[in-house]
N, C-alpha and C. Protein backbone atom coordinates (compact mmCIF):
# COMPACT_ATOMS: atom_id res chain seq x y z
N UNK A 1 16.53 -39.74 31.94
CA UNK A 1 15.62 -38.88 31.24
C UNK A 1 16.33 -37.82 30.42
N UNK A 2 17.46 -37.36 30.91
CA UNK A 2 18.19 -36.36 30.15
C UNK A 2 18.70 -36.93 28.84
N UNK A 3 18.88 -38.26 28.78
CA UNK A 3 19.32 -38.87 27.52
C UNK A 3 18.21 -38.77 26.48
N UNK A 4 16.93 -38.87 26.91
CA UNK A 4 15.82 -38.66 25.98
C UNK A 4 15.83 -37.23 25.45
N UNK A 5 16.07 -36.29 26.34
CA UNK A 5 16.13 -34.89 25.94
C UNK A 5 17.24 -34.67 24.92
N UNK A 6 18.39 -35.28 25.18
CA UNK A 6 19.52 -35.13 24.25
C UNK A 6 19.22 -35.78 22.91
N UNK A 7 18.48 -36.86 22.90
CA UNK A 7 18.07 -37.50 21.65
C UNK A 7 17.14 -36.55 20.88
N UNK A 8 16.22 -35.93 21.62
CA UNK A 8 15.32 -34.96 21.00
C UNK A 8 16.11 -33.78 20.44
N UNK A 9 17.16 -33.38 21.15
CA UNK A 9 17.99 -32.27 20.67
C UNK A 9 18.66 -32.63 19.35
N UNK A 10 19.16 -33.84 19.23
CA UNK A 10 19.78 -34.28 17.97
C UNK A 10 18.75 -34.29 16.84
N UNK A 11 17.55 -34.81 17.13
CA UNK A 11 16.49 -34.81 16.12
C UNK A 11 16.12 -33.38 15.72
N UNK A 12 16.05 -32.50 16.72
CA UNK A 12 15.74 -31.10 16.47
C UNK A 12 16.78 -30.48 15.54
N UNK A 13 18.05 -30.71 15.82
CA UNK A 13 19.13 -30.16 15.00
C UNK A 13 19.06 -30.65 13.56
N UNK A 14 18.80 -31.95 13.39
CA UNK A 14 18.71 -32.52 12.04
C UNK A 14 17.53 -31.93 11.27
N UNK A 15 16.37 -31.89 11.92
CA UNK A 15 15.17 -31.37 11.25
C UNK A 15 15.32 -29.89 10.91
N UNK A 16 15.81 -29.10 11.84
CA UNK A 16 15.91 -27.65 11.58
C UNK A 16 16.95 -27.35 10.49
N UNK A 17 18.01 -28.14 10.43
CA UNK A 17 19.00 -27.94 9.35
C UNK A 17 18.36 -28.24 8.00
N UNK A 18 17.59 -29.31 7.93
CA UNK A 18 16.92 -29.67 6.68
C UNK A 18 15.87 -28.60 6.30
N UNK A 19 15.13 -28.14 7.29
CA UNK A 19 14.12 -27.10 7.03
C UNK A 19 14.79 -25.81 6.54
N UNK A 20 15.88 -25.43 7.17
CA UNK A 20 16.60 -24.22 6.77
C UNK A 20 17.06 -24.31 5.32
N UNK A 21 17.58 -25.47 4.95
CA UNK A 21 18.03 -25.70 3.58
C UNK A 21 16.85 -25.55 2.61
N UNK A 22 15.73 -26.15 2.95
CA UNK A 22 14.56 -26.10 2.06
C UNK A 22 13.96 -24.70 1.99
N UNK A 23 13.96 -24.01 3.10
CA UNK A 23 13.44 -22.64 3.11
C UNK A 23 14.26 -21.76 2.16
N UNK A 24 15.56 -21.98 2.12
CA UNK A 24 16.41 -21.21 1.22
C UNK A 24 16.14 -21.51 -0.25
N UNK A 25 15.64 -22.70 -0.55
CA UNK A 25 15.37 -23.09 -1.94
C UNK A 25 13.99 -22.65 -2.42
N UNK A 26 13.06 -22.44 -1.53
CA UNK A 26 11.67 -22.13 -1.92
C UNK A 26 11.55 -20.92 -2.84
N UNK A 27 12.18 -19.79 -2.55
CA UNK A 27 12.00 -18.62 -3.43
C UNK A 27 12.50 -18.83 -4.86
N UNK A 28 13.39 -19.78 -5.04
CA UNK A 28 13.97 -20.00 -6.37
C UNK A 28 13.12 -20.93 -7.22
N UNK A 29 12.10 -21.52 -6.62
CA UNK A 29 11.25 -22.47 -7.34
C UNK A 29 9.94 -21.83 -7.75
N UNK A 30 9.23 -22.52 -8.64
CA UNK A 30 7.92 -22.04 -9.08
C UNK A 30 7.02 -23.23 -9.35
N UNK A 31 5.74 -22.96 -9.41
CA UNK A 31 4.78 -23.98 -9.80
C UNK A 31 4.62 -25.12 -8.81
N UNK A 32 4.43 -26.30 -9.37
CA UNK A 32 4.17 -27.50 -8.57
C UNK A 32 5.35 -27.87 -7.68
N UNK A 33 6.55 -27.68 -8.18
CA UNK A 33 7.74 -28.01 -7.39
C UNK A 33 7.79 -27.16 -6.11
N UNK A 34 7.47 -25.88 -6.25
CA UNK A 34 7.45 -24.98 -5.09
C UNK A 34 6.35 -25.41 -4.12
N UNK A 35 5.19 -25.73 -4.65
CA UNK A 35 4.07 -26.14 -3.81
C UNK A 35 4.42 -27.39 -3.01
N UNK A 36 5.04 -28.35 -3.66
CA UNK A 36 5.41 -29.59 -2.96
C UNK A 36 6.43 -29.33 -1.86
N UNK A 37 7.40 -28.49 -2.16
CA UNK A 37 8.42 -28.18 -1.16
C UNK A 37 7.81 -27.42 0.03
N UNK A 38 6.88 -26.52 -0.23
CA UNK A 38 6.21 -25.78 0.84
C UNK A 38 5.43 -26.76 1.72
N UNK A 39 4.72 -27.69 1.11
CA UNK A 39 3.97 -28.68 1.89
C UNK A 39 4.91 -29.54 2.73
N UNK A 40 6.04 -29.92 2.15
CA UNK A 40 7.03 -30.73 2.86
C UNK A 40 7.58 -29.99 4.07
N UNK A 41 7.93 -28.73 3.88
CA UNK A 41 8.47 -27.93 4.98
C UNK A 41 7.41 -27.74 6.07
N UNK A 42 6.17 -27.54 5.64
CA UNK A 42 5.09 -27.38 6.60
C UNK A 42 4.95 -28.63 7.48
N UNK A 43 5.05 -29.79 6.88
CA UNK A 43 4.99 -31.05 7.65
C UNK A 43 6.17 -31.16 8.61
N UNK A 44 7.35 -30.79 8.13
CA UNK A 44 8.53 -30.86 8.99
C UNK A 44 8.43 -29.87 10.16
N UNK A 45 7.86 -28.70 9.91
CA UNK A 45 7.67 -27.74 11.00
C UNK A 45 6.70 -28.30 12.05
N UNK A 46 5.70 -29.01 11.61
CA UNK A 46 4.78 -29.65 12.55
C UNK A 46 5.52 -30.71 13.37
N UNK A 47 6.42 -31.45 12.74
CA UNK A 47 7.23 -32.44 13.47
C UNK A 47 8.09 -31.75 14.54
N UNK A 48 8.65 -30.62 14.18
CA UNK A 48 9.49 -29.89 15.13
C UNK A 48 8.64 -29.39 16.31
N UNK A 49 7.41 -28.93 16.02
CA UNK A 49 6.52 -28.49 17.11
C UNK A 49 6.25 -29.65 18.09
N UNK A 50 5.97 -30.82 17.52
CA UNK A 50 5.72 -32.00 18.35
C UNK A 50 6.97 -32.37 19.16
N UNK A 51 8.12 -32.26 18.51
CA UNK A 51 9.38 -32.55 19.19
C UNK A 51 9.61 -31.60 20.35
N UNK A 52 9.28 -30.32 20.15
CA UNK A 52 9.42 -29.33 21.24
C UNK A 52 8.45 -29.64 22.39
N UNK A 53 7.27 -30.12 22.06
CA UNK A 53 6.34 -30.51 23.11
C UNK A 53 6.90 -31.68 23.93
N UNK A 54 7.51 -32.63 23.23
CA UNK A 54 8.13 -33.78 23.92
C UNK A 54 9.27 -33.30 24.81
N UNK A 55 10.06 -32.38 24.29
CA UNK A 55 11.18 -31.85 25.07
C UNK A 55 10.66 -31.12 26.31
N UNK A 56 9.55 -30.39 26.15
CA UNK A 56 8.95 -29.68 27.28
C UNK A 56 8.49 -30.67 28.36
N UNK A 57 7.89 -31.76 27.93
CA UNK A 57 7.46 -32.79 28.89
C UNK A 57 8.67 -33.39 29.62
N UNK A 58 9.75 -33.62 28.89
CA UNK A 58 10.96 -34.18 29.50
C UNK A 58 11.55 -33.22 30.53
N UNK A 59 11.55 -31.93 30.20
CA UNK A 59 12.12 -30.93 31.12
C UNK A 59 11.31 -30.92 32.43
N UNK A 60 10.01 -31.10 32.34
CA UNK A 60 9.17 -31.10 33.54
C UNK A 60 9.47 -32.29 34.45
N UNK A 61 9.96 -33.37 33.84
CA UNK A 61 10.25 -34.57 34.63
C UNK A 61 11.68 -34.62 35.17
N UNK A 62 12.51 -33.68 34.73
CA UNK A 62 13.91 -33.64 35.19
C UNK A 62 13.93 -33.05 36.59
N UNK A 63 14.82 -33.56 37.46
CA UNK A 63 14.91 -33.00 38.82
C UNK A 63 15.19 -31.50 38.80
N UNK A 64 14.70 -30.83 39.81
CA UNK A 64 14.76 -29.37 39.89
C UNK A 64 16.19 -28.85 39.79
N UNK A 65 17.18 -29.55 40.32
CA UNK A 65 18.57 -29.09 40.29
C UNK A 65 19.06 -28.92 38.85
N UNK A 66 18.65 -29.81 37.94
CA UNK A 66 19.12 -29.78 36.54
C UNK A 66 18.13 -29.09 35.61
N UNK A 67 16.96 -28.82 36.06
CA UNK A 67 15.88 -28.32 35.20
C UNK A 67 16.22 -26.96 34.58
N UNK A 68 16.88 -26.08 35.29
CA UNK A 68 17.19 -24.74 34.79
C UNK A 68 17.99 -24.77 33.50
N UNK A 69 19.01 -25.63 33.47
CA UNK A 69 19.86 -25.73 32.28
C UNK A 69 19.04 -26.21 31.08
N UNK A 70 18.22 -27.23 31.29
CA UNK A 70 17.41 -27.77 30.20
C UNK A 70 16.31 -26.80 29.77
N UNK A 71 15.77 -26.07 30.72
CA UNK A 71 14.73 -25.08 30.41
C UNK A 71 15.29 -23.98 29.52
N UNK A 72 16.49 -23.52 29.82
CA UNK A 72 17.08 -22.46 28.99
C UNK A 72 17.39 -22.98 27.59
N UNK A 73 17.83 -24.22 27.48
CA UNK A 73 18.09 -24.79 26.15
C UNK A 73 16.78 -24.94 25.37
N UNK A 74 15.71 -25.39 26.05
CA UNK A 74 14.41 -25.52 25.40
C UNK A 74 13.90 -24.16 24.94
N UNK A 75 14.11 -23.15 25.77
CA UNK A 75 13.68 -21.80 25.40
C UNK A 75 14.40 -21.34 24.13
N UNK A 76 15.69 -21.59 24.02
CA UNK A 76 16.43 -21.18 22.82
C UNK A 76 15.95 -21.97 21.59
N UNK A 77 15.56 -23.23 21.79
CA UNK A 77 15.02 -24.02 20.67
C UNK A 77 13.67 -23.47 20.21
N UNK A 78 12.88 -23.02 21.15
CA UNK A 78 11.58 -22.44 20.79
C UNK A 78 11.78 -21.12 20.03
N UNK A 79 12.77 -20.34 20.43
CA UNK A 79 13.06 -19.10 19.71
C UNK A 79 13.54 -19.41 18.30
N UNK A 80 14.35 -20.45 18.17
CA UNK A 80 14.82 -20.86 16.84
C UNK A 80 13.64 -21.30 15.99
N UNK A 81 12.68 -21.99 16.59
CA UNK A 81 11.50 -22.43 15.87
C UNK A 81 10.69 -21.23 15.37
N UNK A 82 10.54 -20.21 16.21
CA UNK A 82 9.83 -19.00 15.80
C UNK A 82 10.52 -18.34 14.62
N UNK A 83 11.84 -18.30 14.66
CA UNK A 83 12.61 -17.72 13.56
C UNK A 83 12.40 -18.53 12.28
N UNK A 84 12.43 -19.85 12.40
CA UNK A 84 12.19 -20.70 11.23
C UNK A 84 10.81 -20.45 10.63
N UNK A 85 9.81 -20.31 11.48
CA UNK A 85 8.46 -20.07 10.98
C UNK A 85 8.36 -18.73 10.26
N UNK A 86 9.02 -17.71 10.79
CA UNK A 86 9.02 -16.40 10.13
C UNK A 86 9.73 -16.48 8.78
N UNK A 87 10.88 -17.16 8.78
CA UNK A 87 11.62 -17.32 7.52
C UNK A 87 10.80 -18.09 6.50
N UNK A 88 10.08 -19.09 6.97
CA UNK A 88 9.25 -19.89 6.08
C UNK A 88 8.14 -19.04 5.46
N UNK A 89 7.50 -18.21 6.26
CA UNK A 89 6.45 -17.33 5.73
C UNK A 89 7.01 -16.38 4.68
N UNK A 90 8.18 -15.81 4.97
CA UNK A 90 8.81 -14.90 4.00
C UNK A 90 9.18 -15.63 2.71
N UNK A 91 9.69 -16.85 2.85
CA UNK A 91 10.15 -17.56 1.66
C UNK A 91 8.99 -17.98 0.77
N UNK A 92 7.84 -18.22 1.35
CA UNK A 92 6.68 -18.63 0.55
C UNK A 92 6.21 -17.52 -0.36
N UNK A 93 6.36 -16.27 0.08
CA UNK A 93 5.89 -15.16 -0.74
C UNK A 93 7.02 -14.48 -1.52
N UNK A 94 8.24 -14.89 -1.24
CA UNK A 94 9.39 -14.28 -1.93
C UNK A 94 9.46 -14.77 -3.37
N UNK A 95 9.98 -13.95 -4.22
CA UNK A 95 10.16 -14.30 -5.61
C UNK A 95 11.64 -14.31 -5.95
N UNK A 96 11.94 -15.08 -6.94
CA UNK A 96 13.32 -15.09 -7.41
C UNK A 96 13.62 -13.74 -8.08
N UNK A 97 14.88 -13.47 -8.34
CA UNK A 97 15.26 -12.20 -8.96
C UNK A 97 14.63 -12.05 -10.33
N UNK A 98 14.53 -13.14 -11.09
CA UNK A 98 13.93 -13.07 -12.43
C UNK A 98 12.47 -12.65 -12.34
N UNK A 99 11.73 -13.27 -11.46
CA UNK A 99 10.31 -12.96 -11.32
C UNK A 99 10.13 -11.53 -10.81
N UNK A 100 10.96 -11.13 -9.85
CA UNK A 100 10.88 -9.78 -9.30
C UNK A 100 11.13 -8.75 -10.40
N UNK A 101 12.16 -8.96 -11.20
CA UNK A 101 12.46 -8.01 -12.28
C UNK A 101 11.35 -7.99 -13.32
N UNK A 102 10.78 -9.14 -13.58
CA UNK A 102 9.68 -9.21 -14.54
C UNK A 102 8.47 -8.44 -14.04
N UNK A 103 8.16 -8.60 -12.76
CA UNK A 103 7.00 -7.93 -12.19
C UNK A 103 7.22 -6.43 -12.02
N UNK A 104 8.37 -6.06 -11.51
CA UNK A 104 8.62 -4.66 -11.20
C UNK A 104 9.22 -3.89 -12.36
N UNK A 105 9.77 -4.58 -13.31
CA UNK A 105 10.39 -3.91 -14.44
C UNK A 105 11.74 -3.35 -14.08
N UNK A 106 12.77 -4.03 -14.44
CA UNK A 106 14.12 -3.61 -14.12
C UNK A 106 14.66 -2.65 -15.17
N UNK A 107 13.83 -2.27 -16.12
CA UNK A 107 14.24 -1.46 -17.24
C UNK A 107 14.26 0.02 -16.85
N UNK A 108 15.42 0.65 -16.93
CA UNK A 108 15.55 2.06 -16.54
C UNK A 108 14.78 2.96 -17.50
N UNK A 109 14.72 2.60 -18.78
CA UNK A 109 14.01 3.44 -19.74
C UNK A 109 12.51 3.45 -19.46
N UNK A 110 11.98 2.35 -18.95
CA UNK A 110 10.55 2.34 -18.65
C UNK A 110 10.23 3.27 -17.49
N UNK A 111 11.12 3.37 -16.51
CA UNK A 111 10.87 4.29 -15.40
C UNK A 111 10.97 5.74 -15.88
N UNK A 112 11.89 6.02 -16.79
CA UNK A 112 11.99 7.37 -17.35
C UNK A 112 10.74 7.68 -18.16
N UNK A 113 10.25 6.71 -18.90
CA UNK A 113 9.04 6.89 -19.69
C UNK A 113 7.85 7.15 -18.78
N UNK A 114 7.77 6.40 -17.70
CA UNK A 114 6.67 6.59 -16.75
C UNK A 114 6.77 7.96 -16.10
N UNK A 115 7.97 8.39 -15.79
CA UNK A 115 8.17 9.70 -15.16
C UNK A 115 7.75 10.82 -16.12
N UNK A 116 8.14 10.71 -17.39
CA UNK A 116 7.76 11.72 -18.38
C UNK A 116 6.24 11.75 -18.56
N UNK A 117 5.64 10.58 -18.58
CA UNK A 117 4.19 10.49 -18.72
C UNK A 117 3.49 11.14 -17.51
N UNK A 118 4.02 10.91 -16.34
CA UNK A 118 3.47 11.51 -15.11
C UNK A 118 3.59 13.03 -15.14
N UNK A 119 4.74 13.53 -15.56
CA UNK A 119 4.92 14.98 -15.64
C UNK A 119 3.97 15.60 -16.66
N UNK A 120 3.80 14.93 -17.80
CA UNK A 120 2.89 15.42 -18.83
C UNK A 120 1.46 15.49 -18.29
N UNK A 121 1.04 14.46 -17.62
CA UNK A 121 -0.31 14.44 -17.05
C UNK A 121 -0.48 15.51 -15.96
N UNK A 122 0.57 15.74 -15.19
CA UNK A 122 0.50 16.77 -14.15
C UNK A 122 0.33 18.15 -14.77
N UNK A 123 1.08 18.44 -15.84
CA UNK A 123 0.96 19.73 -16.53
C UNK A 123 -0.44 19.89 -17.12
N UNK A 124 -0.96 18.83 -17.72
CA UNK A 124 -2.30 18.87 -18.31
C UNK A 124 -3.35 19.14 -17.22
N UNK A 125 -3.18 18.53 -16.08
CA UNK A 125 -4.10 18.74 -14.97
C UNK A 125 -4.04 20.19 -14.48
N UNK A 126 -2.84 20.74 -14.39
CA UNK A 126 -2.70 22.13 -13.95
C UNK A 126 -3.35 23.10 -14.94
N UNK A 127 -3.17 22.86 -16.25
CA UNK A 127 -3.81 23.72 -17.26
C UNK A 127 -5.33 23.65 -17.14
N UNK A 128 -5.85 22.45 -16.98
CA UNK A 128 -7.30 22.29 -16.85
C UNK A 128 -7.82 22.98 -15.60
N UNK A 129 -7.06 22.91 -14.53
CA UNK A 129 -7.47 23.57 -13.28
C UNK A 129 -7.51 25.09 -13.46
N UNK A 130 -6.50 25.63 -14.15
CA UNK A 130 -6.49 27.09 -14.39
C UNK A 130 -7.69 27.50 -15.25
N UNK A 131 -8.02 26.71 -16.29
CA UNK A 131 -9.16 27.02 -17.14
C UNK A 131 -10.46 26.96 -16.33
N UNK A 132 -10.57 25.98 -15.48
CA UNK A 132 -11.78 25.87 -14.66
C UNK A 132 -11.91 27.07 -13.71
N UNK A 133 -10.81 27.48 -13.11
CA UNK A 133 -10.85 28.64 -12.22
C UNK A 133 -11.24 29.90 -12.98
N UNK A 134 -10.70 30.09 -14.18
CA UNK A 134 -11.04 31.26 -14.98
C UNK A 134 -12.51 31.22 -15.37
N UNK A 135 -13.00 30.06 -15.76
CA UNK A 135 -14.43 29.93 -16.11
C UNK A 135 -15.33 30.21 -14.94
N UNK A 136 -14.93 29.75 -13.78
CA UNK A 136 -15.72 30.02 -12.57
C UNK A 136 -15.75 31.51 -12.28
N UNK A 137 -14.62 32.17 -12.40
CA UNK A 137 -14.54 33.61 -12.14
C UNK A 137 -15.44 34.37 -13.11
N UNK A 138 -15.45 34.00 -14.39
CA UNK A 138 -16.31 34.65 -15.38
C UNK A 138 -17.77 34.44 -15.03
N UNK A 139 -18.12 33.22 -14.61
CA UNK A 139 -19.50 32.93 -14.25
C UNK A 139 -19.94 33.77 -13.07
N UNK A 140 -19.08 33.94 -12.09
CA UNK A 140 -19.42 34.75 -10.92
C UNK A 140 -19.63 36.20 -11.33
N UNK A 141 -18.72 36.73 -12.15
CA UNK A 141 -18.84 38.12 -12.60
C UNK A 141 -20.08 38.31 -13.45
N UNK A 142 -20.34 37.37 -14.34
CA UNK A 142 -21.52 37.46 -15.21
C UNK A 142 -22.79 37.45 -14.38
N UNK A 143 -22.83 36.57 -13.42
CA UNK A 143 -24.02 36.50 -12.57
C UNK A 143 -24.25 37.77 -11.80
N UNK A 144 -23.21 38.38 -11.26
CA UNK A 144 -23.39 39.62 -10.49
C UNK A 144 -23.79 40.77 -11.40
N UNK A 145 -23.25 40.85 -12.60
CA UNK A 145 -23.61 41.92 -13.54
C UNK A 145 -25.06 41.73 -13.98
N UNK A 146 -25.46 40.49 -14.27
CA UNK A 146 -26.83 40.24 -14.70
C UNK A 146 -27.82 40.62 -13.60
N UNK A 147 -27.50 40.27 -12.36
CA UNK A 147 -28.38 40.65 -11.26
C UNK A 147 -28.49 42.16 -11.13
N UNK A 148 -27.37 42.84 -11.30
CA UNK A 148 -27.38 44.30 -11.23
C UNK A 148 -28.21 44.89 -12.36
N UNK A 149 -28.09 44.32 -13.57
CA UNK A 149 -28.87 44.80 -14.71
C UNK A 149 -30.36 44.60 -14.48
N UNK A 150 -30.72 43.43 -14.00
CA UNK A 150 -32.14 43.14 -13.78
C UNK A 150 -32.70 44.04 -12.70
N UNK A 151 -31.94 44.26 -11.65
CA UNK A 151 -32.45 45.12 -10.57
C UNK A 151 -32.56 46.57 -11.02
N UNK A 152 -31.73 46.97 -11.98
CA UNK A 152 -31.80 48.33 -12.48
C UNK A 152 -33.00 48.51 -13.41
N UNK A 153 -33.23 47.56 -14.28
CA UNK A 153 -34.31 47.68 -15.25
C UNK A 153 -35.66 47.42 -14.59
N UNK A 154 -35.76 46.39 -13.79
CA UNK A 154 -37.03 46.06 -13.15
C UNK A 154 -36.85 45.95 -11.64
N UNK A 155 -36.74 47.05 -10.95
CA UNK A 155 -36.52 47.00 -9.51
C UNK A 155 -37.77 46.51 -8.78
N UNK A 156 -37.61 45.44 -8.02
CA UNK A 156 -38.62 44.86 -7.14
C UNK A 156 -39.95 44.61 -7.82
N UNK A 157 -39.95 44.39 -9.09
CA UNK A 157 -41.18 44.07 -9.81
C UNK A 157 -42.11 45.25 -10.00
N UNK A 158 -41.69 46.49 -9.70
CA UNK A 158 -42.53 47.67 -9.89
C UNK A 158 -42.55 48.04 -11.36
N UNK A 159 -43.51 48.84 -11.69
CA UNK A 159 -43.58 49.35 -13.07
C UNK A 159 -42.40 50.26 -13.32
N UNK A 160 -41.98 50.28 -14.54
CA UNK A 160 -40.85 51.12 -14.88
C UNK A 160 -41.33 52.56 -14.97
N UNK A 161 -40.76 53.41 -14.10
CA UNK A 161 -41.21 54.81 -14.08
C UNK A 161 -40.61 55.60 -15.23
N UNK A 162 -39.34 55.32 -15.50
CA UNK A 162 -38.69 56.05 -16.59
C UNK A 162 -37.93 55.04 -17.42
N UNK A 163 -38.60 54.43 -18.42
CA UNK A 163 -37.97 53.35 -19.16
C UNK A 163 -36.71 53.78 -19.91
N UNK A 164 -36.62 54.98 -20.39
CA UNK A 164 -35.46 55.41 -21.17
C UNK A 164 -34.23 55.45 -20.28
N UNK A 165 -34.32 56.04 -19.11
CA UNK A 165 -33.19 56.13 -18.19
C UNK A 165 -32.75 54.73 -17.76
N UNK A 166 -33.72 53.92 -17.47
CA UNK A 166 -33.40 52.56 -17.04
C UNK A 166 -32.71 51.79 -18.18
N UNK A 167 -33.17 52.01 -19.41
CA UNK A 167 -32.57 51.34 -20.55
C UNK A 167 -31.12 51.80 -20.74
N UNK A 168 -30.88 53.10 -20.59
CA UNK A 168 -29.52 53.62 -20.73
C UNK A 168 -28.61 53.02 -19.65
N UNK A 169 -29.11 52.89 -18.43
CA UNK A 169 -28.32 52.29 -17.36
C UNK A 169 -28.00 50.82 -17.70
N UNK A 170 -28.97 50.14 -18.25
CA UNK A 170 -28.77 48.74 -18.62
C UNK A 170 -27.71 48.63 -19.71
N UNK A 171 -27.73 49.53 -20.68
CA UNK A 171 -26.73 49.51 -21.75
C UNK A 171 -25.34 49.77 -21.16
N UNK A 172 -25.25 50.73 -20.25
CA UNK A 172 -23.97 51.01 -19.61
C UNK A 172 -23.46 49.79 -18.84
N UNK A 173 -24.36 49.09 -18.18
CA UNK A 173 -23.97 47.88 -17.47
C UNK A 173 -23.48 46.80 -18.43
N UNK A 174 -24.12 46.68 -19.58
CA UNK A 174 -23.67 45.70 -20.59
C UNK A 174 -22.27 46.04 -21.08
N UNK A 175 -22.02 47.32 -21.30
CA UNK A 175 -20.68 47.75 -21.74
C UNK A 175 -19.67 47.44 -20.65
N UNK A 176 -20.04 47.73 -19.41
CA UNK A 176 -19.16 47.44 -18.29
C UNK A 176 -18.89 45.93 -18.21
N UNK A 177 -19.93 45.15 -18.41
CA UNK A 177 -19.79 43.70 -18.36
C UNK A 177 -18.83 43.21 -19.44
N UNK A 178 -18.98 43.71 -20.65
CA UNK A 178 -18.08 43.31 -21.73
C UNK A 178 -16.64 43.70 -21.44
N UNK A 179 -16.48 44.85 -20.86
CA UNK A 179 -15.14 45.31 -20.51
C UNK A 179 -14.52 44.38 -19.44
N UNK A 180 -15.31 44.00 -18.45
CA UNK A 180 -14.80 43.12 -17.39
C UNK A 180 -14.45 41.74 -17.94
N UNK A 181 -15.30 41.19 -18.78
CA UNK A 181 -15.05 39.84 -19.29
C UNK A 181 -13.92 39.80 -20.30
N UNK A 182 -13.71 40.90 -21.02
CA UNK A 182 -12.62 40.90 -21.99
C UNK A 182 -11.26 41.10 -21.32
N UNK A 183 -11.23 41.65 -20.12
CA UNK A 183 -9.97 41.90 -19.46
C UNK A 183 -9.43 40.64 -18.77
N UNK A 184 -10.25 39.59 -18.58
CA UNK A 184 -9.78 38.39 -17.89
C UNK A 184 -9.31 37.37 -18.82
């Protein structure tokens, strides 16, 4: 039975070497050729999974005295399989250097241009924020002065007892308001 296991080990070594070679080529390919190679590797990985299942069955049938050695070898093969699957996933989404540079832009001047554009937009945003804050402050001051003027001229909706005095107070408030708004 151990000879069957050793035959499976040889098959495992051959398949994994071929898969490793193909995984290394996948990122360099594009289009239909890449798709075909990915499908081929996927089929080979399935063959390796089946081979590992066969090896597992063989280990279970080996006498207990020898089983430990074969179990540890099978465990290392399963770890290698996990590594191959991870590498395969990475290689399917990896791009060649040309594609990566095309997508990300390897041009140093474009990054400087983007940086300058970002700084310009940041300054513009800060100026707009300052203008908005100043406008808000003026609105708050205007509202409080207007409320004060209205309460002075027409307090609580009562009749104006002394319209001339109230009018003079309102004029003074308007002057004060102009002074406050011109100072900001």
